[in-house]
């Protein structure tokens, strides 16, 4: 199985000039926790990401809801290719302490967003990954 098989919906993008309030509205409407910041529509290339946590931190720092996302978005993207293995995605999430990954096509355009929740929806995959991890840790063949 490849990462692309885990992605079940089209990624939701937002303009870097959108406001914090607009991002919060999109999170609520779409029931998601991460938006991809992109200024182009087609082809879409991720510039940054904005998470619900980023919005909460910005509000806690006193940033107005009319503040632009570009000021609070995470510009250092952690991404993988759609053809990568799910184990690589989990490793990236764990190594970077994140719950979402930007998934790209081979040409660097946006394919989707992978959430830690996507793994929980794939019970057999999760069991297999846990078994592989246990074998690595305990040296079981």
N, C-alpha and C. Protein backbone atom coordinates (compact mmCIF):
# COMPACT_ATOMS: atom_id res chain seq x y z
N UNK A 1 0.83 -1.18 0.00
CA UNK A 1 0.00 0.00 0.00
C UNK A 1 0.88 1.25 0.00
N UNK A 2 0.44 2.24 -0.71
CA UNK A 2 1.13 3.52 -0.79
C UNK A 2 0.32 4.59 -0.06
N UNK A 3 0.95 5.69 0.25
CA UNK A 3 0.30 6.78 0.97
C UNK A 3 -0.95 7.25 0.23
N UNK A 4 -0.89 7.31 -1.08
CA UNK A 4 -2.03 7.82 -1.86
C UNK A 4 -3.32 7.05 -1.58
N UNK A 5 -3.22 5.78 -1.22
CA UNK A 5 -4.41 4.98 -0.94
C UNK A 5 -5.10 5.38 0.36
N UNK A 6 -4.40 6.08 1.23
CA UNK A 6 -4.98 6.50 2.51
C UNK A 6 -5.76 7.80 2.43
N UNK A 7 -5.54 8.55 1.37
CA UNK A 7 -6.16 9.87 1.25
C UNK A 7 -7.55 9.73 0.62
N UNK A 8 -8.55 10.19 1.37
CA UNK A 8 -9.94 9.99 0.96
C UNK A 8 -10.65 11.25 0.49
N UNK A 9 -9.99 12.41 0.63
CA UNK A 9 -10.67 13.64 0.22
C UNK A 9 -9.68 14.61 -0.43
N UNK A 10 -10.25 15.53 -1.18
CA UNK A 10 -9.46 16.56 -1.84
C UNK A 10 -8.91 17.51 -0.77
N UNK A 11 -7.65 17.92 -0.89
CA UNK A 11 -7.12 18.84 0.11
C UNK A 11 -7.81 20.20 0.04
N UNK A 12 -7.94 20.83 1.19
CA UNK A 12 -8.56 22.14 1.26
C UNK A 12 -7.45 23.18 1.33
N UNK A 13 -7.52 24.15 0.43
CA UNK A 13 -6.50 25.19 0.36
C UNK A 13 -7.09 26.53 0.75
N UNK A 14 -6.18 27.44 1.10
CA UNK A 14 -6.59 28.79 1.46
C UNK A 14 -5.48 29.74 1.02
N UNK A 15 -5.85 30.96 0.71
CA UNK A 15 -4.90 31.97 0.26
C UNK A 15 -4.07 32.49 1.44
N UNK A 16 -2.81 32.83 1.20
CA UNK A 16 -1.99 33.40 2.27
C UNK A 16 -2.53 34.75 2.76
N UNK A 17 -3.35 35.41 1.95
CA UNK A 17 -3.92 36.70 2.36
C UNK A 17 -5.23 36.54 3.13
N UNK A 18 -5.72 35.31 3.29
CA UNK A 18 -6.93 35.08 4.08
C UNK A 18 -6.65 35.43 5.54
N UNK A 19 -7.72 35.66 6.28
CA UNK A 19 -7.57 36.03 7.68
C UNK A 19 -7.66 34.82 8.60
N UNK A 20 -7.25 35.04 9.83
CA UNK A 20 -7.35 33.99 10.84
C UNK A 20 -8.81 33.57 11.02
N UNK A 21 -9.71 34.54 11.03
CA UNK A 21 -11.14 34.23 11.16
C UNK A 21 -11.61 33.36 9.99
N UNK A 22 -11.19 33.68 8.78
CA UNK A 22 -11.59 32.89 7.62
C UNK A 22 -11.08 31.46 7.74
N UNK A 23 -9.86 31.30 8.22
CA UNK A 23 -9.31 29.94 8.41
C UNK A 23 -10.15 29.18 9.44
N UNK A 24 -10.50 29.84 10.54
CA UNK A 24 -11.32 29.19 11.57
C UNK A 24 -12.67 28.77 11.00
N UNK A 25 -13.24 29.59 10.16
CA UNK A 25 -14.52 29.26 9.53
C UNK A 25 -14.38 28.03 8.63
N UNK A 26 -13.28 27.95 7.88
CA UNK A 26 -13.06 26.80 6.99
C UNK A 26 -12.84 25.53 7.82
N UNK A 27 -12.05 25.62 8.89
CA UNK A 27 -11.85 24.45 9.77
C UNK A 27 -13.18 23.91 10.25
N UNK A 28 -14.05 24.81 10.68
CA UNK A 28 -15.36 24.41 11.21
C UNK A 28 -16.24 23.82 10.13
N UNK A 29 -16.33 24.50 9.01
CA UNK A 29 -17.20 24.05 7.92
C UNK A 29 -16.75 22.70 7.35
N UNK A 30 -15.44 22.53 7.16
CA UNK A 30 -14.92 21.33 6.52
C UNK A 30 -14.60 20.19 7.50
N UNK A 31 -14.62 20.51 8.80
CA UNK A 31 -14.32 19.51 9.85
C UNK A 31 -12.93 18.91 9.64
N UNK A 32 -11.95 19.82 9.50
CA UNK A 32 -10.56 19.41 9.31
C UNK A 32 -9.67 20.18 10.28
N UNK A 33 -8.43 19.76 10.38
CA UNK A 33 -7.50 20.40 11.30
C UNK A 33 -6.31 21.06 10.63
N UNK A 34 -6.23 20.99 9.30
CA UNK A 34 -5.10 21.59 8.60
C UNK A 34 -5.55 22.11 7.24
N UNK A 35 -5.09 23.31 6.92
CA UNK A 35 -5.31 23.91 5.61
C UNK A 35 -3.97 24.08 4.92
N UNK A 36 -3.98 23.88 3.62
CA UNK A 36 -2.78 24.12 2.83
C UNK A 36 -2.85 25.54 2.30
N UNK A 37 -1.81 26.30 2.56
CA UNK A 37 -1.74 27.68 2.08
C UNK A 37 -1.11 27.65 0.69
N UNK A 38 -1.85 28.17 -0.28
CA UNK A 38 -1.38 28.16 -1.67
C UNK A 38 -1.93 29.39 -2.38
N UNK A 39 -1.08 30.03 -3.17
CA UNK A 39 -1.55 31.22 -3.89
C UNK A 39 -2.01 30.89 -5.30
N UNK A 40 -1.58 29.74 -5.82
CA UNK A 40 -2.01 29.36 -7.18
C UNK A 40 -3.13 28.33 -7.10
N UNK A 41 -3.98 28.35 -8.10
CA UNK A 41 -5.12 27.44 -8.12
C UNK A 41 -4.81 26.17 -8.90
N UNK A 42 -4.15 26.32 -10.04
CA UNK A 42 -3.84 25.14 -10.84
C UNK A 42 -2.55 25.40 -11.63
N UNK A 43 -1.53 24.64 -11.42
CA UNK A 43 -1.42 23.57 -10.44
C UNK A 43 -1.18 24.15 -9.04
N UNK A 44 -1.66 23.43 -8.05
CA UNK A 44 -1.53 23.88 -6.67
C UNK A 44 -0.19 23.41 -6.12
N UNK A 45 0.58 24.36 -5.61
CA UNK A 45 1.83 24.06 -4.92
C UNK A 45 1.70 24.62 -3.51
N UNK A 46 1.93 23.77 -2.54
CA UNK A 46 1.82 24.20 -1.15
C UNK A 46 2.95 25.18 -0.82
N UNK A 47 2.58 26.31 -0.24
CA UNK A 47 3.55 27.30 0.22
C UNK A 47 3.80 27.13 1.72
N UNK A 48 2.74 26.77 2.42
CA UNK A 48 2.78 26.67 3.88
C UNK A 48 1.55 25.89 4.31
N UNK A 49 1.43 25.68 5.60
CA UNK A 49 0.23 25.08 6.16
C UNK A 49 -0.20 25.89 7.38
N UNK A 50 -1.47 25.81 7.69
CA UNK A 50 -2.00 26.44 8.90
C UNK A 50 -2.86 25.39 9.60
N UNK A 51 -2.56 25.17 10.86
CA UNK A 51 -3.32 24.19 11.63
C UNK A 51 -4.22 24.90 12.63
N UNK A 52 -5.15 24.15 13.18
CA UNK A 52 -5.99 24.70 14.24
C UNK A 52 -5.12 25.20 15.38
N UNK A 53 -4.08 24.47 15.69
CA UNK A 53 -3.17 24.88 16.77
C UNK A 53 -2.51 26.22 16.45
N UNK A 54 -2.12 26.43 15.19
CA UNK A 54 -1.52 27.70 14.79
C UNK A 54 -2.49 28.86 15.06
N UNK A 55 -3.76 28.64 14.75
CA UNK A 55 -4.77 29.67 14.96
C UNK A 55 -4.93 29.95 16.46
N UNK A 56 -5.00 28.91 17.26
CA UNK A 56 -5.13 29.09 18.71
C UNK A 56 -3.93 29.85 19.27
N UNK A 57 -2.73 29.47 18.84
CA UNK A 57 -1.52 30.18 19.31
C UNK A 57 -1.55 31.66 18.92
N UNK A 58 -1.97 31.94 17.71
CA UNK A 58 -2.02 33.32 17.25
C UNK A 58 -3.00 34.14 18.08
N UNK A 59 -4.16 33.58 18.34
CA UNK A 59 -5.16 34.28 19.15
C UNK A 59 -4.64 34.46 20.58
N UNK A 60 -4.00 33.45 21.12
CA UNK A 60 -3.45 33.54 22.48
C UNK A 60 -2.37 34.63 22.58
N UNK A 61 -1.65 34.87 21.49
CA UNK A 61 -0.62 35.92 21.46
C UNK A 61 -1.23 37.30 21.23
N UNK A 62 -2.54 37.36 21.06
CA UNK A 62 -3.21 38.64 20.89
C UNK A 62 -3.34 39.10 19.46
N UNK A 63 -3.05 38.21 18.51
CA UNK A 63 -3.19 38.60 17.11
C UNK A 63 -4.68 38.76 16.79
N UNK A 64 -5.04 39.82 16.08
CA UNK A 64 -6.46 40.02 15.75
C UNK A 64 -6.96 38.97 14.75
N UNK A 65 -8.23 38.69 14.83
CA UNK A 65 -8.83 37.72 13.91
C UNK A 65 -8.76 38.19 12.47
N UNK A 66 -8.51 39.46 12.27
CA UNK A 66 -8.37 40.01 10.92
C UNK A 66 -6.93 39.90 10.42
N UNK A 67 -6.03 39.37 11.25
CA UNK A 67 -4.63 39.18 10.83
C UNK A 67 -4.54 38.17 9.71
N UNK A 68 -3.57 38.37 8.83
CA UNK A 68 -3.40 37.48 7.68
C UNK A 68 -2.71 36.18 8.07
N UNK A 69 -3.10 35.11 7.41
CA UNK A 69 -2.53 33.79 7.68
C UNK A 69 -1.04 33.74 7.41
N UNK A 70 -0.59 34.50 6.44
CA UNK A 70 0.82 34.48 6.08
C UNK A 70 1.71 34.76 7.30
N UNK A 71 1.19 35.51 8.26
CA UNK A 71 1.97 35.87 9.44
C UNK A 71 2.07 34.73 10.45
N UNK A 72 1.16 33.76 10.39
CA UNK A 72 1.15 32.69 11.40
C UNK A 72 1.29 31.29 10.82
N UNK A 73 1.28 31.18 9.52
CA UNK A 73 1.36 29.86 8.88
C UNK A 73 2.74 29.25 9.07
N UNK A 74 2.78 27.93 9.06
CA UNK A 74 4.03 27.20 9.15
C UNK A 74 4.59 27.06 7.74
N UNK A 75 5.73 27.69 7.51
CA UNK A 75 6.30 27.72 6.16
C UNK A 75 7.27 26.57 5.90
N UNK A 76 7.76 25.98 6.98
CA UNK A 76 8.66 24.83 6.83
C UNK A 76 7.79 23.58 6.67
N UNK A 77 7.57 23.20 5.43
CA UNK A 77 6.69 22.07 5.14
C UNK A 77 7.39 20.74 5.36
N UNK A 78 6.64 19.82 5.93
CA UNK A 78 7.08 18.43 6.00
C UNK A 78 6.17 17.70 5.03
N UNK A 79 6.75 17.16 3.98
CA UNK A 79 5.93 16.54 2.95
C UNK A 79 6.52 15.20 2.52
N UNK A 80 5.68 14.41 1.89
CA UNK A 80 6.09 13.14 1.32
C UNK A 80 5.46 13.02 -0.06
N UNK A 81 5.92 12.05 -0.80
CA UNK A 81 5.36 11.78 -2.12
C UNK A 81 4.21 10.80 -1.99
N UNK A 82 3.28 10.88 -2.88
CA UNK A 82 2.11 10.01 -2.86
C UNK A 82 2.47 8.54 -3.01
N UNK A 83 3.63 8.26 -3.61
CA UNK A 83 4.05 6.87 -3.82
C UNK A 83 4.85 6.31 -2.63
N UNK A 84 5.09 7.12 -1.61
CA UNK A 84 5.84 6.64 -0.44
C UNK A 84 5.02 5.64 0.36
N UNK A 85 5.72 4.88 1.17
CA UNK A 85 5.08 3.89 2.02
C UNK A 85 4.50 4.55 3.27
N UNK A 86 3.39 4.05 3.78
CA UNK A 86 2.81 4.61 5.01
C UNK A 86 3.77 4.64 6.20
N UNK A 87 4.66 3.67 6.28
CA UNK A 87 5.61 3.66 7.40
C UNK A 87 6.50 4.91 7.37
N UNK A 88 6.84 5.40 6.20
CA UNK A 88 7.63 6.62 6.08
C UNK A 88 6.82 7.82 6.59
N UNK A 89 5.54 7.84 6.28
CA UNK A 89 4.68 8.93 6.73
C UNK A 89 4.61 8.95 8.26
N UNK A 90 4.44 7.79 8.86
CA UNK A 90 4.38 7.72 10.32
C UNK A 90 5.69 8.17 10.93
N UNK A 91 6.78 7.74 10.35
CA UNK A 91 8.11 8.14 10.86
C UNK A 91 8.28 9.66 10.79
N UNK A 92 7.87 10.27 9.68
CA UNK A 92 7.96 11.73 9.53
C UNK A 92 7.10 12.43 10.59
N UNK A 93 5.89 11.92 10.80
CA UNK A 93 5.01 12.52 11.80
C UNK A 93 5.62 12.43 13.19
N UNK A 94 6.14 11.27 13.52
CA UNK A 94 6.74 11.08 14.84
C UNK A 94 7.99 11.92 15.01
N UNK A 95 8.86 11.92 14.02
CA UNK A 95 10.11 12.67 14.10
C UNK A 95 9.89 14.18 14.22
N UNK A 96 8.79 14.67 13.63
CA UNK A 96 8.53 16.10 13.62
C UNK A 96 7.43 16.53 14.60
N UNK A 97 6.85 15.57 15.32
CA UNK A 97 5.81 15.90 16.29
C UNK A 97 4.60 16.55 15.67
N UNK A 98 4.16 16.02 14.52
CA UNK A 98 3.03 16.60 13.79
C UNK A 98 1.96 15.55 13.54
N UNK A 99 0.76 16.02 13.22
CA UNK A 99 -0.37 15.11 12.97
C UNK A 99 -0.83 15.12 11.52
N UNK A 100 -0.21 15.95 10.69
CA UNK A 100 -0.59 16.06 9.28
C UNK A 100 0.66 16.15 8.42
N UNK A 101 0.56 15.61 7.22
CA UNK A 101 1.63 15.73 6.23
C UNK A 101 1.05 16.19 4.90
N UNK A 102 1.77 17.04 4.22
CA UNK A 102 1.41 17.41 2.86
C UNK A 102 1.90 16.28 1.96
N UNK A 103 1.04 15.83 1.07
CA UNK A 103 1.39 14.76 0.13
C UNK A 103 1.46 15.37 -1.26
N UNK A 104 2.61 15.13 -1.92
CA UNK A 104 2.85 15.74 -3.23
C UNK A 104 2.91 14.70 -4.33
N UNK A 105 2.60 15.16 -5.52
CA UNK A 105 2.86 14.38 -6.72
C UNK A 105 4.37 14.43 -6.98
N UNK A 106 4.84 13.63 -7.92
CA UNK A 106 6.27 13.62 -8.24
C UNK A 106 6.79 14.98 -8.70
N UNK A 107 5.93 15.79 -9.30
CA UNK A 107 6.36 17.10 -9.79
C UNK A 107 6.27 18.20 -8.73
N UNK A 108 5.94 17.83 -7.49
CA UNK A 108 5.88 18.81 -6.40
C UNK A 108 4.54 19.50 -6.23
N UNK A 109 3.58 19.17 -7.08
CA UNK A 109 2.25 19.76 -6.91
C UNK A 109 1.50 19.00 -5.83
N UNK A 110 0.48 19.63 -5.29
CA UNK A 110 -0.28 19.08 -4.18
C UNK A 110 -1.17 17.91 -4.61
N UNK A 111 -1.04 16.81 -3.89
CA UNK A 111 -1.92 15.66 -4.11
C UNK A 111 -2.97 15.58 -3.01
N UNK A 112 -2.54 15.81 -1.76
CA UNK A 112 -3.48 15.70 -0.66
C UNK A 112 -2.82 16.02 0.67
N UNK A 113 -3.58 15.75 1.72
CA UNK A 113 -3.09 15.91 3.08
C UNK A 113 -3.37 14.61 3.80
N UNK A 114 -2.37 14.12 4.49
CA UNK A 114 -2.50 12.89 5.26
C UNK A 114 -2.56 13.25 6.73
N UNK A 115 -3.58 12.76 7.41
CA UNK A 115 -3.77 12.99 8.83
C UNK A 115 -3.51 11.70 9.59
N UNK A 116 -3.10 11.83 10.83
CA UNK A 116 -2.91 10.65 11.67
C UNK A 116 -4.22 9.85 11.75
N UNK A 117 -5.35 10.54 11.66
CA UNK A 117 -6.65 9.86 11.68
C UNK A 117 -6.82 8.91 10.50
N UNK A 118 -6.18 9.23 9.39
CA UNK A 118 -6.30 8.37 8.21
C UNK A 118 -5.76 6.97 8.49
N UNK A 119 -4.77 6.88 9.36
CA UNK A 119 -4.22 5.57 9.72
C UNK A 119 -5.20 4.76 10.56
N UNK A 120 -5.92 5.44 11.43
CA UNK A 120 -6.86 4.74 12.29
C UNK A 120 -8.05 4.19 11.51
N UNK A 121 -8.34 4.80 10.37
CA UNK A 121 -9.42 4.30 9.52
C UNK A 121 -9.03 3.01 8.79
N UNK A 122 -7.73 2.76 8.73
CA UNK A 122 -7.21 1.58 8.04
C UNK A 122 -6.71 0.58 9.08
N UNK A 123 -7.64 -0.11 9.72
CA UNK A 123 -7.32 -1.02 10.81
C UNK A 123 -6.27 -2.06 10.47
N UNK A 124 -6.39 -2.70 9.32
CA UNK A 124 -5.42 -3.75 8.94
C UNK A 124 -4.03 -3.16 8.75
N UNK A 125 -3.95 -1.99 8.16
CA UNK A 125 -2.66 -1.35 7.97
C UNK A 125 -2.03 -1.02 9.32
N UNK A 126 -2.82 -0.48 10.23
CA UNK A 126 -2.32 -0.13 11.55
C UNK A 126 -1.82 -1.36 12.28
N UNK A 127 -2.56 -2.46 12.21
CA UNK A 127 -2.12 -3.70 12.85
C UNK A 127 -0.81 -4.19 12.25
N UNK A 128 -0.68 -4.11 10.95
CA UNK A 128 0.53 -4.54 10.28
C UNK A 128 1.72 -3.68 10.68
N UNK A 129 1.51 -2.36 10.75
CA UNK A 129 2.59 -1.47 11.15
C UNK A 129 3.02 -1.72 12.59
N UNK A 130 2.06 -1.96 13.46
CA UNK A 130 2.38 -2.24 14.85
C UNK A 130 3.14 -3.56 14.98
N UNK A 131 2.76 -4.55 14.19
CA UNK A 131 3.45 -5.85 14.21
C UNK A 131 4.90 -5.67 13.73
N UNK A 132 5.09 -4.92 12.65
CA UNK A 132 6.43 -4.67 12.13
C UNK A 132 7.28 -3.94 13.16
N UNK A 133 6.68 -2.97 13.85
CA UNK A 133 7.41 -2.22 14.87
C UNK A 133 7.82 -3.13 16.02
N UNK A 134 6.91 -3.99 16.45
CA UNK A 134 7.22 -4.92 17.54
C UNK A 134 8.35 -5.87 17.14
N UNK A 135 8.34 -6.32 15.92
CA UNK A 135 9.40 -7.20 15.44
C UNK A 135 10.75 -6.47 15.41
N UNK A 136 10.73 -5.21 15.01
CA UNK A 136 11.97 -4.43 14.99
C UNK A 136 12.51 -4.23 16.40
N UNK A 137 11.62 -3.93 17.33
CA UNK A 137 12.03 -3.66 18.72
C UNK A 137 12.49 -4.92 19.42
N UNK A 138 11.76 -6.01 19.23
CA UNK A 138 12.05 -7.24 19.97
C UNK A 138 12.85 -8.26 19.19
N UNK A 139 13.18 -7.96 17.95
CA UNK A 139 14.00 -8.86 17.15
C UNK A 139 13.31 -10.15 16.77
N UNK A 140 11.99 -10.12 16.63
CA UNK A 140 11.24 -11.31 16.27
C UNK A 140 11.26 -11.45 14.76
N UNK A 141 11.42 -12.65 14.28
CA UNK A 141 11.39 -12.90 12.83
C UNK A 141 10.04 -13.36 12.39
